[in-house]
Amino acid sequence: MEDSHKLILLEVRDKSSQTLTNMAQQALKDAHSSLADPQEPIQGQDALLLGQVNQQVAKQFAEGLLGGFNVLLGQTNGDSATPEYSGLSLMHGDELESSIALEGMIAHARNCDITEYLR
């Protein structure tokens, strides 16, 4: 890649990283405010933990974005730029296992009677 192209890509990387990270942080704030109960605002330790989680998510977002640009610039190999999502979860392990088992039972019950529905 030519030096002039790299310089342009670096400028785009820096500006887009800053802009998109700010937008991600704002989206997190908006999501929390829309989900929060206006009668009981988040305070104290919960607010501190929420702020830390927001910062961690924004940091991982920015690192992933920069990693993608680094791959384009040839500064790293593609494997090391792959984001790590193993720590993200909407459910705890036991809840996830229960949910998967329940979905399997529902699918099995639906499929057992499918011949009657097809007549």
C-alpha atoms as a PDB file:
ATOM      1  CA  MET A   1       0.000   0.000   0.000  1.00  0.00           C
ATOM      2  CA  GLU A   2       1.324   3.433  -0.890  1.00  0.00           C
ATOM      3  CA  ASP A   3       2.268   5.864   1.857  1.00  0.00           C
ATOM      4  CA  SER A   4      -0.358   8.385   0.754  1.00  0.00           C
ATOM      5  CA  HIS A   5      -3.060   5.718   1.009  1.00  0.00           C
ATOM      6  CA  LYS A   6      -1.826   4.713   4.454  1.00  0.00           C
ATOM      7  CA  LEU A   7      -1.935   8.317   5.645  1.00  0.00           C
ATOM      8  CA  ILE A   8      -5.502   8.703   4.415  1.00  0.00           C
ATOM      9  CA  LEU A   9      -6.496   5.420   6.048  1.00  0.00           C
ATOM     10  CA  LEU A  10      -4.865   6.507   9.322  1.00  0.00           C
ATOM     11  CA  GLU A  11      -6.807   9.776   9.276  1.00  0.00           C
ATOM     12  CA  VAL A  12     -10.053   7.921   8.581  1.00  0.00           C
ATOM     13  CA  ARG A  13      -9.224   5.420  11.331  1.00  0.00           C
ATOM     14  CA  ASP A  14      -8.571   8.094  13.941  1.00  0.00           C
ATOM     15  CA  LYS A  15     -11.622  10.206  13.144  1.00  0.00           C
ATOM     16  CA  SER A  16     -14.019   7.295  12.720  1.00  0.00           C
ATOM     17  CA  SER A  17     -12.752   5.619  15.878  1.00  0.00           C
ATOM     18  CA  GLN A  18     -13.370   8.741  17.918  1.00  0.00           C
ATOM     19  CA  THR A  19     -16.778   9.432  16.373  1.00  0.00           C
ATOM     20  CA  LEU A  20     -18.071   5.852  16.507  1.00  0.00           C
ATOM     21  CA  THR A  21     -16.836   5.304  20.068  1.00  0.00           C
ATOM     22  CA  ASN A  22     -18.644   8.460  21.183  1.00  0.00           C
ATOM     23  CA  MET A  23     -21.777   7.255  19.396  1.00  0.00           C
ATOM     24  CA  ALA A  24     -21.503   3.841  21.090  1.00  0.00           C
ATOM     25  CA  GLN A  25     -21.157   5.486  24.504  1.00  0.00           C
ATOM     26  CA  GLN A  26     -24.192   7.666  23.806  1.00  0.00           C
ATOM     27  CA  ALA A  27     -26.181   4.625  22.652  1.00  0.00           C
ATOM     28  CA  LEU A  28     -25.349   2.854  25.920  1.00  0.00           C
ATOM     29  CA  LYS A  29     -26.462   5.883  27.934  1.00  0.00           C
ATOM     30  CA  ASP A  30     -29.686   6.130  25.925  1.00  0.00           C
ATOM     31  CA  ALA A  31     -30.384   2.421  26.381  1.00  0.00           C
ATOM     32  CA  HIS A  32     -29.864   2.632  30.125  1.00  0.00           C
ATOM     33  CA  SER A  33     -32.025   5.727  30.465  1.00  0.00           C
ATOM     34  CA  SER A  34     -34.843   4.169  28.431  1.00  0.00           C
ATOM     35  CA  LEU A  35     -34.726   0.988  30.534  1.00  0.00           C
ATOM     36  CA  ALA A  36     -34.323   2.707  33.898  1.00  0.00           C
ATOM     37  CA  ASP A  37     -37.309   3.397  36.119  1.00  0.00           C
ATOM     38  CA  PRO A  38     -37.720   7.178  36.409  1.00  0.00           C
ATOM     39  CA  GLN A  39     -39.115   6.712  39.923  1.00  0.00           C
ATOM     40  CA  GLU A  40     -35.955   4.910  41.067  1.00  0.00           C
ATOM     41  CA  PRO A  41     -32.841   6.331  39.376  1.00  0.00           C
ATOM     42  CA  ILE A  42     -29.658   4.283  39.484  1.00  0.00           C
ATOM     43  CA  GLN A  43     -27.455   5.557  42.302  1.00  0.00           C
ATOM     44  CA  GLY A  44     -24.472   4.657  44.418  1.00  0.00           C
ATOM     45  CA  GLN A  45     -22.657   1.399  43.791  1.00  0.00           C
ATOM     46  CA  ASP A  46     -25.000   0.409  40.949  1.00  0.00           C
ATOM     47  CA  ALA A  47     -24.280   3.651  39.090  1.00  0.00           C
ATOM     48  CA  LEU A  48     -20.545   3.132  39.582  1.00  0.00           C
ATOM     49  CA  LEU A  49     -20.707  -0.443  38.264  1.00  0.00           C
ATOM     50  CA  LEU A  50     -22.841   0.634  35.318  1.00  0.00           C
ATOM     51  CA  GLY A  51     -20.305   3.335  34.456  1.00  0.00           C
ATOM     52  CA  GLN A  52     -17.451   0.829  34.622  1.00  0.00           C
ATOM     53  CA  VAL A  53     -19.286  -1.620  32.368  1.00  0.00           C
ATOM     54  CA  ASN A  54     -20.051   1.159  29.888  1.00  0.00           C
ATOM     55  CA  GLN A  55     -16.384   2.166  29.814  1.00  0.00           C
ATOM     56  CA  GLN A  56     -15.293  -1.438  29.294  1.00  0.00           C
ATOM     57  CA  VAL A  57     -17.764  -1.959  26.433  1.00  0.00           C
ATOM     58  CA  ALA A  58     -16.701   1.304  24.771  1.00  0.00           C
ATOM     59  CA  LYS A  59     -13.022   0.366  25.174  1.00  0.00           C
ATOM     60  CA  GLN A  60     -13.564  -3.068  23.609  1.00  0.00           C
ATOM     61  CA  PHE A  61     -15.541  -1.457  20.794  1.00  0.00           C
ATOM     62  CA  ALA A  62     -12.736   1.005  20.073  1.00  0.00           C
ATOM     63  CA  GLU A  63     -10.071  -1.732  20.235  1.00  0.00           C
ATOM     64  CA  GLY A  64     -12.039  -3.883  17.798  1.00  0.00           C
ATOM     65  CA  LEU A  65     -12.453  -0.978  15.414  1.00  0.00           C
ATOM     66  CA  LEU A  66      -8.754  -0.118  15.567  1.00  0.00           C
ATOM     67  CA  GLY A  67      -7.882  -3.790  15.115  1.00  0.00           C
ATOM     68  CA  GLY A  68      -9.894  -3.880  11.904  1.00  0.00           C
ATOM     69  CA  PHE A  69      -8.064  -0.859  10.556  1.00  0.00           C
ATOM     70  CA  ASN A  70      -4.728  -2.383  11.565  1.00  0.00           C
ATOM     71  CA  VAL A  71      -5.562  -5.434   9.463  1.00  0.00           C
ATOM     72  CA  LEU A  72      -6.258  -3.143   6.501  1.00  0.00           C
ATOM     73  CA  LEU A  73      -2.966  -1.373   7.096  1.00  0.00           C
ATOM     74  CA  GLY A  74      -1.120  -4.680   7.334  1.00  0.00           C
ATOM     75  CA  GLN A  75       0.076  -3.897  10.852  1.00  0.00           C
ATOM     76  CA  THR A  76      -1.195  -7.153  12.327  1.00  0.00           C
ATOM     77  CA  ASN A  77      -2.469 -10.512  11.193  1.00  0.00           C
ATOM     78  CA  GLY A  78      -6.196 -11.147  10.993  1.00  0.00           C
ATOM     79  CA  ASP A  79      -6.289 -13.712  13.788  1.00  0.00           C
ATOM     80  CA  SER A  80      -5.113 -11.352  16.514  1.00  0.00           C
ATOM     81  CA  ALA A  81      -7.668  -8.725  15.497  1.00  0.00           C
ATOM     82  CA  THR A  82     -10.585 -11.101  16.051  1.00  0.00           C
ATOM     83  CA  PRO A  83     -12.701  -9.746  18.898  1.00  0.00           C
ATOM     84  CA  GLU A  84     -13.192 -11.887  21.979  1.00  0.00           C
ATOM     85  CA  TYR A  85     -16.861 -12.244  22.888  1.00  0.00           C
ATOM     86  CA  SER A  86     -16.633 -15.116  25.367  1.00  0.00           C
ATOM     87  CA  GLY A  87     -17.152 -12.770  28.322  1.00  0.00           C
ATOM     88  CA  LEU A  88     -20.362 -11.296  26.935  1.00  0.00           C
ATOM     89  CA  SER A  89     -23.585 -13.001  27.895  1.00  0.00           C
ATOM     90  CA  LEU A  90     -27.216 -12.020  28.258  1.00  0.00           C
ATOM     91  CA  MET A  91     -27.858 -15.045  30.487  1.00  0.00           C
ATOM     92  CA  HIS A  92     -25.913 -16.922  33.111  1.00  0.00           C
ATOM     93  CA  GLY A  93     -24.803 -20.456  32.276  1.00  0.00           C
ATOM     94  CA  ASP A  94     -27.588 -22.226  34.197  1.00  0.00           C
ATOM     95  CA  GLU A  95     -30.278 -19.971  32.730  1.00  0.00           C
ATOM     96  CA  LEU A  96     -28.892 -20.517  29.252  1.00  0.00           C
ATOM     97  CA  GLU A  97     -28.869 -24.294  29.660  1.00  0.00           C
ATOM     98  CA  SER A  98     -32.445 -24.234  30.975  1.00  0.00           C
ATOM     99  CA  SER A  99     -33.585 -22.026  28.124  1.00  0.00           C
ATOM    100  CA  ILE A 100     -31.949 -24.254  25.506  1.00  0.00           C
ATOM    101  CA  ALA A 101     -33.474 -27.368  27.080  1.00  0.00           C
ATOM    102  CA  LEU A 102     -36.913 -25.748  27.165  1.00  0.00           C
ATOM    103  CA  GLU A 103     -36.649 -24.673  23.531  1.00  0.00           C
ATOM    104  CA  GLY A 104     -35.627 -28.216  22.603  1.00  0.00           C
ATOM    105  CA  MET A 105     -38.633 -29.682  24.409  1.00  0.00           C
ATOM    106  CA  ILE A 106     -40.986 -27.220  22.718  1.00  0.00           C
ATOM    107  CA  ALA A 107     -39.519 -28.000  19.291  1.00  0.00           C
ATOM    108  CA  HIS A 108     -39.828 -31.733  19.976  1.00  0.00           C
ATOM    109  CA  ALA A 109     -43.466 -31.358  21.052  1.00  0.00           C
ATOM    110  CA  ARG A 110     -44.251 -29.381  17.903  1.00  0.00           C
ATOM    111  CA  ASN A 111     -42.508 -31.915  15.669  1.00  0.00           C
ATOM    112  CA  CYS A 112     -44.207 -34.939  17.273  1.00  0.00           C
ATOM    113  CA  ASP A 113     -47.641 -33.798  16.098  1.00  0.00           C
ATOM    114  CA  ILE A 114     -46.576 -32.336  12.762  1.00  0.00           C
ATOM    115  CA  THR A 115     -48.053 -35.246  10.778  1.00  0.00           C
ATOM    116  CA  GLU A 116     -51.486 -34.466  12.228  1.00  0.00           C
ATOM    117  CA  TYR A 117     -51.156 -30.837  11.183  1.00  0.00           C
ATOM    118  CA  LEU A 118     -50.127 -31.759   7.639  1.00  0.00           C
ATOM    119  CA  ARG A 119     -53.233 -33.873   6.933  1.00  0.00           C
END
